[in-house]
Amino acid sequence: MLTTRSVHKDGSKLYVELSFGLVRDGSGMVDGSLAIGRDCTARHLKTVARSSQPSSPCAKQAE
């Protein structure tokens, strides 16, 4: 899985999670490939905000 930045047609920015795979037939030969993309902007921004917040005093004592 890969997360990357992208842009909507209207110019707004978003983060997209991409997954890639191979499609195989019954004998295991590659028959094709696939790619799936989904908007993960909300989750990505929440993760970034959480990691950029200063640690609590309790967390500093545990270090």
PDB file of N, CA and C in Angstrom:
ATOM      1  N   MET A   1       0.842  -1.160   0.000  1.00  0.00           N
ATOM      2  CA  MET A   1       0.000   0.000   0.000  1.00  0.00           C
ATOM      3  C   MET A   1       0.895   1.234   0.000  1.00  0.00           C
ATOM      4  N   LEU A   2       0.444   2.251  -0.678  1.00  0.00           N
ATOM      5  CA  LEU A   2       1.185   3.491  -0.838  1.00  0.00           C
ATOM      6  C   LEU A   2       0.228   4.655  -0.639  1.00  0.00           C
ATOM      7  N   THR A   3       0.635   5.637   0.152  1.00  0.00           N
ATOM      8  CA  THR A   3      -0.167   6.846   0.324  1.00  0.00           C
ATOM      9  C   THR A   3       0.549   7.985  -0.380  1.00  0.00           C
ATOM     10  N   THR A   4      -0.209   8.725  -1.189  1.00  0.00           N
ATOM     11  CA  THR A   4       0.384   9.810  -1.959  1.00  0.00           C
ATOM     12  C   THR A   4      -0.583  10.993  -2.007  1.00  0.00           C
ATOM     13  N   ARG A   5      -0.063  12.140  -2.370  1.00  0.00           N
ATOM     14  CA  ARG A   5      -0.901  13.331  -2.522  1.00  0.00           C
ATOM     15  C   ARG A   5      -1.449  13.377  -3.939  1.00  0.00           C
ATOM     16  N   SER A   6      -2.624  13.977  -4.060  1.00  0.00           N
ATOM     17  CA  SER A   6      -3.238  14.124  -5.370  1.00  0.00           C
ATOM     18  C   SER A   6      -4.037  15.427  -5.368  1.00  0.00           C
ATOM     19  N   VAL A   7      -4.649  15.748  -6.503  1.00  0.00           N
ATOM     20  CA  VAL A   7      -5.434  16.973  -6.650  1.00  0.00           C
ATOM     21  C   VAL A   7      -6.734  16.640  -7.367  1.00  0.00           C
ATOM     22  N   HIS A   8      -7.863  17.128  -6.804  1.00  0.00           N
ATOM     23  CA  HIS A   8      -9.166  16.991  -7.459  1.00  0.00           C
ATOM     24  C   HIS A   8      -9.207  17.891  -8.696  1.00  0.00           C
ATOM     25  N   LYS A   9     -10.197  17.666  -9.545  1.00  0.00           N
ATOM     26  CA  LYS A   9     -10.388  18.535 -10.710  1.00  0.00           C
ATOM     27  C   LYS A   9     -10.591  19.988 -10.300  1.00  0.00           C
ATOM     28  N   ASP A  10     -11.224  20.186  -9.136  1.00  0.00           N
ATOM     29  CA  ASP A  10     -11.484  21.557  -8.682  1.00  0.00           C
ATOM     30  C   ASP A  10     -10.264  22.214  -8.039  1.00  0.00           C
ATOM     31  N   GLY A  11      -9.138  21.499  -7.962  1.00  0.00           N
ATOM     32  CA  GLY A  11      -7.906  22.055  -7.425  1.00  0.00           C
ATOM     33  C   GLY A  11      -7.652  21.765  -5.957  1.00  0.00           C
ATOM     34  N   SER A  12      -8.655  21.202  -5.271  1.00  0.00           N
ATOM     35  CA  SER A  12      -8.442  20.887  -3.858  1.00  0.00           C
ATOM     36  C   SER A  12      -7.517  19.679  -3.719  1.00  0.00           C
ATOM     37  N   LYS A  13      -6.734  19.685  -2.644  1.00  0.00           N
ATOM     38  CA  LYS A  13      -5.751  18.620  -2.444  1.00  0.00           C
ATOM     39  C   LYS A  13      -6.334  17.508  -1.599  1.00  0.00           C
ATOM     40  N   LEU A  14      -5.852  16.287  -1.813  1.00  0.00           N
ATOM     41  CA  LEU A  14      -6.281  15.135  -1.044  1.00  0.00           C
ATOM     42  C   LEU A  14      -5.150  14.128  -0.957  1.00  0.00           C
ATOM     43  N   TYR A  15      -5.311  13.167  -0.075  1.00  0.00           N
ATOM     44  CA  TYR A  15      -4.371  12.055   0.035  1.00  0.00           C
ATOM     45  C   TYR A  15      -5.086  10.804  -0.446  1.00  0.00           C
ATOM     46  N   VAL A  16      -4.377  10.006  -1.231  1.00  0.00           N
ATOM     47  CA  VAL A  16      -4.949   8.805  -1.819  1.00  0.00           C
ATOM     48  C   VAL A  16      -4.102   7.610  -1.411  1.00  0.00           C
ATOM     49  N   GLU A  17      -4.771   6.553  -0.992  1.00  0.00           N
ATOM     50  CA  GLU A  17      -4.107   5.306  -0.647  1.00  0.00           C
ATOM     51  C   GLU A  17      -4.223   4.389  -1.863  1.00  0.00           C
ATOM     52  N   LEU A  18      -3.094   3.916  -2.366  1.00  0.00           N
ATOM     53  CA  LEU A  18      -3.074   3.076  -3.561  1.00  0.00           C
ATOM     54  C   LEU A  18      -2.618   1.667  -3.215  1.00  0.00           C
ATOM     55  N   SER A  19      -3.313   0.690  -3.771  1.00  0.00           N
ATOM     56  CA  SER A  19      -2.934  -0.719  -3.629  1.00  0.00           C
ATOM     57  C   SER A  19      -2.826  -1.305  -5.032  1.00  0.00           C
ATOM     58  N   PHE A  20      -1.859  -2.169  -5.222  1.00  0.00           N
ATOM     59  CA  PHE A  20      -1.635  -2.789  -6.522  1.00  0.00           C
ATOM     60  C   PHE A  20      -1.587  -4.295  -6.352  1.00  0.00           C
ATOM     61  N   GLY A  21      -1.979  -5.015  -7.387  1.00  0.00           N
ATOM     62  CA  GLY A  21      -1.929  -6.468  -7.310  1.00  0.00           C
ATOM     63  C   GLY A  21      -1.916  -7.098  -8.689  1.00  0.00           C
ATOM     64  N   LEU A  22      -1.638  -8.398  -8.702  1.00  0.00           N
ATOM     65  CA  LEU A  22      -1.657  -9.180  -9.931  1.00  0.00           C
ATOM     66  C   LEU A  22      -2.845 -10.133  -9.897  1.00  0.00           C
ATOM     67  N   VAL A  23      -3.467 -10.319 -11.037  1.00  0.00           N
ATOM     68  CA  VAL A  23      -4.564 -11.264 -11.178  1.00  0.00           C
ATOM     69  C   VAL A  23      -3.994 -12.496 -11.865  1.00  0.00           C
ATOM     70  N   ARG A  24      -4.149 -13.651 -11.220  1.00  0.00           N
ATOM     71  CA  ARG A  24      -3.586 -14.891 -11.765  1.00  0.00           C
ATOM     72  C   ARG A  24      -4.703 -15.848 -12.159  1.00  0.00           C
ATOM     73  N   ASP A  25      -4.435 -16.667 -13.182  1.00  0.00           N
ATOM     74  CA  ASP A  25      -5.404 -17.677 -13.589  1.00  0.00           C
ATOM     75  C   ASP A  25      -5.232 -18.912 -12.702  1.00  0.00           C
ATOM     76  N   GLY A  26      -5.973 -19.964 -12.992  1.00  0.00           N
ATOM     77  CA  GLY A  26      -5.948 -21.184 -12.195  1.00  0.00           C
ATOM     78  C   GLY A  26      -4.595 -21.855 -12.115  1.00  0.00           C
ATOM     79  N   SER A  27      -3.767 -21.681 -13.135  1.00  0.00           N
ATOM     80  CA  SER A  27      -2.446 -22.310 -13.134  1.00  0.00           C
ATOM     81  C   SER A  27      -1.369 -21.408 -12.532  1.00  0.00           C
ATOM     82  N   GLY A  28      -1.746 -20.215 -12.089  1.00  0.00           N
ATOM     83  CA  GLY A  28      -0.790 -19.305 -11.472  1.00  0.00           C
ATOM     84  C   GLY A  28      -0.154 -18.305 -12.423  1.00  0.00           C
ATOM     85  N   MET A  29      -0.503 -18.368 -13.687  1.00  0.00           N
ATOM     86  CA  MET A  29       0.039 -17.412 -14.660  1.00  0.00           C
ATOM     87  C   MET A  29      -0.640 -16.052 -14.476  1.00  0.00           C
ATOM     88  N   VAL A  30       0.137 -14.998 -14.663  1.00  0.00           N
ATOM     89  CA  VAL A  30      -0.415 -13.650 -14.523  1.00  0.00           C
ATOM     90  C   VAL A  30      -1.358 -13.376 -15.688  1.00  0.00           C
ATOM     91  N   ASP A  31      -2.586 -13.012 -15.321  1.00  0.00           N
ATOM     92  CA  ASP A  31      -3.624 -12.753 -16.316  1.00  0.00           C
ATOM     93  C   ASP A  31      -3.865 -11.253 -16.473  1.00  0.00           C
ATOM     94  N   GLY A  32      -3.460 -10.472 -15.479  1.00  0.00           N
ATOM     95  CA  GLY A  32      -3.664  -9.035 -15.535  1.00  0.00           C
ATOM     96  C   GLY A  32      -3.180  -8.382 -14.260  1.00  0.00           C
ATOM     97  N   SER A  33      -3.456  -7.121 -14.136  1.00  0.00           N
ATOM     98  CA  SER A  33      -3.071  -6.387 -12.942  1.00  0.00           C
ATOM     99  C   SER A  33      -4.228  -5.499 -12.517  1.00  0.00           C
ATOM    100  N   LEU A  34      -4.153  -5.033 -11.285  1.00  0.00           N
ATOM    101  CA  LEU A  34      -5.203  -4.147 -10.799  1.00  0.00           C
ATOM    102  C   LEU A  34      -4.592  -3.081  -9.905  1.00  0.00           C
ATOM    103  N   ALA A  35      -5.293  -1.989  -9.818  1.00  0.00           N
ATOM    104  CA  ALA A  35      -4.901  -0.897  -8.926  1.00  0.00           C
ATOM    105  C   ALA A  35      -6.169  -0.361  -8.288  1.00  0.00           C
ATOM    106  N   ILE A  36      -6.108  -0.125  -6.989  1.00  0.00           N
ATOM    107  CA  ILE A  36      -7.256   0.398  -6.259  1.00  0.00           C
ATOM    108  C   ILE A  36      -6.802   1.667  -5.548  1.00  0.00           C
ATOM    109  N   GLY A  37      -7.563   2.723  -5.699  1.00  0.00           N
ATOM    110  CA  GLY A  37      -7.258   3.978  -5.025  1.00  0.00           C
ATOM    111  C   GLY A  37      -8.443   4.425  -4.197  1.00  0.00           C
ATOM    112  N   ARG A  38      -8.154   4.927  -3.003  1.00  0.00           N
ATOM    113  CA  ARG A  38      -9.241   5.457  -2.188  1.00  0.00           C
ATOM    114  C   ARG A  38      -8.768   6.693  -1.443  1.00  0.00           C
ATOM    115  N   ASP A  39      -9.697   7.594  -1.216  1.00  0.00           N
ATOM    116  CA  ASP A  39      -9.418   8.847  -0.529  1.00  0.00           C
ATOM    117  C   ASP A  39      -9.223   8.554   0.962  1.00  0.00           C
ATOM    118  N   CYS A  40      -8.052   8.871   1.478  1.00  0.00           N
ATOM    119  CA  CYS A  40      -7.765   8.660   2.907  1.00  0.00           C
ATOM    120  C   CYS A  40      -7.361   9.976   3.570  1.00  0.00           C
ATOM    121  N   THR A  41      -7.836  11.096   3.031  1.00  0.00           N
ATOM    122  CA  THR A  41      -7.450  12.418   3.513  1.00  0.00           C
ATOM    123  C   THR A  41      -7.760  12.601   4.995  1.00  0.00           C
ATOM    124  N   ALA A  42      -8.969  12.284   5.424  1.00  0.00           N
ATOM    125  CA  ALA A  42      -9.361  12.507   6.818  1.00  0.00           C
ATOM    126  C   ALA A  42      -8.478  11.712   7.765  1.00  0.00           C
ATOM    127  N   ARG A  43      -8.251  10.451   7.475  1.00  0.00           N
ATOM    128  CA  ARG A  43      -7.425   9.605   8.338  1.00  0.00           C
ATOM    129  C   ARG A  43      -5.980  10.097   8.354  1.00  0.00           C
ATOM    130  N   HIS A  44      -5.463  10.464   7.191  1.00  0.00           N
ATOM    131  CA  HIS A  44      -4.078  10.930   7.101  1.00  0.00           C
ATOM    132  C   HIS A  44      -3.878  12.217   7.902  1.00  0.00           C
ATOM    133  N   LEU A  45      -4.789  13.174   7.754  1.00  0.00           N
ATOM    134  CA  LEU A  45      -4.663  14.441   8.472  1.00  0.00           C
ATOM    135  C   LEU A  45      -4.794  14.242   9.980  1.00  0.00           C
ATOM    136  N   LYS A  46      -5.664  13.316  10.409  1.00  0.00           N
ATOM    137  CA  LYS A  46      -5.804  13.028  11.829  1.00  0.00           C
ATOM    138  C   LYS A  46      -4.509  12.432  12.381  1.00  0.00           C
ATOM    139  N   THR A  47      -3.878  11.538  11.631  1.00  0.00           N
ATOM    140  CA  THR A  47      -2.620  10.928  12.051  1.00  0.00           C
ATOM    141  C   THR A  47      -1.515  11.979  12.139  1.00  0.00           C
ATOM    142  N   VAL A  48      -1.428  12.849  11.168  1.00  0.00           N
ATOM    143  CA  VAL A  48      -0.405  13.898  11.167  1.00  0.00           C
ATOM    144  C   VAL A  48      -0.621  14.843  12.344  1.00  0.00           C
ATOM    145  N   ALA A  49      -1.868  15.227  12.614  1.00  0.00           N
ATOM    146  CA  ALA A  49      -2.166  16.136  13.723  1.00  0.00           C
ATOM    147  C   ALA A  49      -1.803  15.486  15.052  1.00  0.00           C
ATOM    148  N   ARG A  50      -2.086  14.205  15.191  1.00  0.00           N
ATOM    149  CA  ARG A  50      -1.791  13.495  16.429  1.00  0.00           C
ATOM    150  C   ARG A  50      -0.281  13.415  16.661  1.00  0.00           C
ATOM    151  N   SER A  51       0.476  13.175  15.606  1.00  0.00           N
ATOM    152  CA  SER A  51       1.923  13.030  15.765  1.00  0.00           C
ATOM    153  C   SER A  51       2.633  14.371  15.952  1.00  0.00           C
ATOM    154  N   SER A  52       1.984  15.477  15.600  1.00  0.00           N
ATOM    155  CA  SER A  52       2.631  16.782  15.743  1.00  0.00           C
ATOM    156  C   SER A  52       2.267  17.478  17.046  1.00  0.00           C
ATOM    157  N   GLN A  53       1.355  16.885  17.840  1.00  0.00           N
ATOM    158  CA  GLN A  53       0.983  17.486  19.113  1.00  0.00           C
ATOM    159  C   GLN A  53       2.103  17.272  20.131  1.00  0.00           C
ATOM    160  N   PRO A  54       2.340  18.268  20.987  1.00  0.00           N
ATOM    161  CA  PRO A  54       3.371  18.097  22.010  1.00  0.00           C
ATOM    162  C   PRO A  54       2.965  17.008  22.992  1.00  0.00           C
ATOM    163  N   SER A  55       3.956  16.334  23.525  1.00  0.00           N
ATOM    164  CA  SER A  55       3.702  15.269  24.492  1.00  0.00           C
ATOM    165  C   SER A  55       3.157  15.851  25.790  1.00  0.00           C
ATOM    166  N   SER A  56       2.371  15.048  26.477  1.00  0.00           N
ATOM    167  CA  SER A  56       1.865  15.466  27.784  1.00  0.00           C
ATOM    168  C   SER A  56       2.977  15.349  28.818  1.00  0.00           C
ATOM    169  N   PRO A  57       2.866  16.038  29.946  1.00  0.00           N
ATOM    170  CA  PRO A  57       3.893  15.931  30.984  1.00  0.00           C
ATOM    171  C   PRO A  57       4.076  14.490  31.450  1.00  0.00           C
ATOM    172  N   CYS A  58       2.988  13.721  31.499  1.00  0.00           N
ATOM    173  CA  CYS A  58       3.090  12.320  31.920  1.00  0.00           C
ATOM    174  C   CYS A  58       3.940  11.519  30.943  1.00  0.00           C
ATOM    175  N   ALA A  59       3.780  11.790  29.651  1.00  0.00           N
ATOM    176  CA  ALA A  59       4.544  11.071  28.641  1.00  0.00           C
ATOM    177  C   ALA A  59       6.028  11.407  28.762  1.00  0.00           C
ATOM    178  N   LYS A  60       6.327  12.669  29.110  1.00  0.00           N
ATOM    179  CA  LYS A  60       7.741  13.069  29.259  1.00  0.00           C
ATOM    180  C   LYS A  60       8.381  12.370  30.452  1.00  0.00           C
ATOM    181  N   GLN A  61       7.617  12.153  31.539  1.00  0.00           N
ATOM    182  CA  GLN A  61       8.142  11.469  32.719  1.00  0.00           C
ATOM    183  C   GLN A  61       8.455  10.015  32.411  1.00  0.00           C
ATOM    184  N   ALA A  62       7.689   9.407  31.495  1.00  0.00           N
ATOM    185  CA  ALA A  62       7.883   8.003  31.155  1.00  0.00           C
ATOM    186  C   ALA A  62       9.123   7.789  30.310  1.00  0.00           C
ATOM    187  N   GLU A  63       9.642   8.860  29.700  1.00  0.00           N
ATOM    188  CA  GLU A  63      10.806   8.716  28.808  1.00  0.00           C
ATOM    189  C   GLU A  63      12.072   8.407  29.552  1.00  0.00           C
TER     190      GLU A  63
END
